[in-house]
Protein backbone atom coordinates (compact mmCIF):
# COMPACT_ATOMS: atom_id res chain seq x y z
CA MET A 1 -72.50 12.53 14.54
CA LEU A 2 -76.02 12.19 13.18
CA ILE A 3 -76.15 12.01 9.38
CA LEU A 4 -79.44 12.77 7.65
CA SER A 5 -80.58 13.07 4.05
CA ARG A 6 -82.72 16.10 3.22
CA LYS A 7 -84.18 17.55 0.04
CA THR A 8 -84.72 21.18 -0.88
CA ASP A 9 -87.22 22.90 1.44
CA GLN A 10 -87.00 20.14 4.05
CA ARG A 11 -86.13 21.14 7.59
CA LEU A 12 -84.38 19.96 10.71
CA VAL A 13 -85.29 21.08 14.21
CA ILE A 14 -82.74 21.27 17.02
CA GLY A 15 -84.29 21.59 20.45
CA ASP A 16 -87.34 23.83 20.58
CA THR A 17 -85.86 26.96 19.05
CA ILE A 18 -83.49 26.18 16.17
CA GLU A 19 -84.64 25.27 12.68
CA ILE A 20 -82.41 24.51 9.69
CA THR A 21 -83.89 24.55 6.18
CA VAL A 22 -82.26 23.17 3.04
CA VAL A 23 -82.69 26.16 0.73
CA GLU A 24 -80.81 24.96 -2.35
CA LEU A 25 -78.71 22.07 -3.67
CA ARG A 26 -76.47 22.94 -6.62
CA ASP A 27 -73.16 21.70 -8.00
CA GLY A 28 -72.16 19.93 -4.80
CA HIS A 29 -73.05 22.90 -2.59
CA VAL A 30 -75.83 23.12 -0.05
CA ARG A 31 -77.41 26.43 0.98
CA LEU A 32 -78.93 26.34 4.43
CA GLY A 33 -81.28 28.73 6.16
CA ILE A 34 -81.02 28.85 9.95
CA THR A 35 -83.67 30.21 12.26
CA ALA A 36 -82.45 30.65 15.84
CA PRO A 37 -83.04 33.02 18.74
CA LYS A 38 -80.86 36.15 18.73
CA ASN A 39 -79.06 34.97 21.87
CA VAL A 40 -77.80 31.84 20.05
CA PRO A 41 -74.66 32.63 18.04
CA VAL A 42 -74.44 30.93 14.65
CA TYR A 43 -71.04 30.84 12.92
CA ARG A 44 -69.46 28.97 10.05
CA LYS A 45 -66.89 26.73 11.74
CA GLU A 46 -63.95 27.87 9.60
CA LEU A 47 -64.77 31.51 10.38
CA LEU A 48 -65.08 30.83 14.11
CA GLU A 49 -61.71 29.03 14.10
CA GLN A 50 -60.12 32.04 12.36
CA ILE A 51 -61.63 34.47 14.88
CA VAL A 52 -60.40 32.37 17.82
CA ALA A 53 -56.89 32.12 16.33
CA GLU A 54 -56.74 35.90 15.79
CA ASN A 55 -57.93 36.55 19.35
CA VAL A 56 -55.29 34.21 20.78
CA GLU A 57 -52.62 35.91 18.67
CA ALA A 58 -53.77 39.39 19.74
CA ALA A 59 -53.78 38.39 23.41
CA ALA A 60 -50.27 36.93 23.13
CA SER A 61 -49.07 40.07 21.36
CA ALA A 62 -50.58 42.30 24.06
CA GLN A 63 -48.86 40.27 26.79
CA LEU A 64 -45.56 40.50 24.91
CA SER A 65 -45.99 44.26 24.45
CA ASP A 66 -46.60 44.70 28.19
CA ALA A 67 -43.50 42.63 28.98
CA VAL A 68 -41.38 44.67 26.56
CA ARG A 69 -42.68 48.00 27.89
CA THR A 70 -41.93 46.90 31.43
CA ARG A 71 -38.30 46.25 30.53
CA VAL A 72 -37.82 49.21 28.15
CA ILE A 73 -39.76 52.06 29.77
CA PRO A 74 -38.49 52.90 33.23
CA GLY A 75 -41.29 53.20 35.75
CA PHE A 76 -43.89 51.51 33.53
CA PRO A 77 -46.57 50.17 35.91
CA ARG A 78 -46.12 46.42 36.28
CA ALA A 79 -49.25 45.79 38.31
CA ALA A 80 -52.15 47.80 39.58
CA ASN A 81 -51.39 49.20 42.98
CA PRO A 82 -54.54 50.32 44.82
CA GLY A 83 -54.37 53.92 45.91
CA VAL A 84 -51.13 54.66 44.03
CA SER A 85 -51.97 55.58 40.46
CA GLY A 86 -49.28 54.85 37.86
CA GLN A 87 -46.51 54.13 40.34
CA THR A 88 -44.45 51.04 40.98
CA SER A 89 -42.28 50.25 43.96
CA GLU A 90 -39.27 51.44 41.91
CA ASN A 91 -40.49 55.02 41.38
CA ARG A 92 -42.33 55.76 44.63
CA LYS A 93 -40.62 58.03 47.11
CA GLY A 94 -40.18 56.83 50.64
CA ASP A 95 -39.96 53.07 49.92
């Protein structure tokens, strides 16, 4: 980790396209201004960690819901079957 001291209105440059400006120092808080290309996502770390945790939880819940529906709803499609829409081997005639 690189540790630098900066004063208000001083800047840091990361690569050729990202610039961080110290906007304000007050009561132990630092306000930063960040200039970056639109294709570079900029997140507060604690917010990004929360988003990732919620996405993992939602994905796990969706997988659980699919597993429950497969066991509870007869004929619920377990896997995509090309050419046979909405049918599983259990509810197709002629198998």
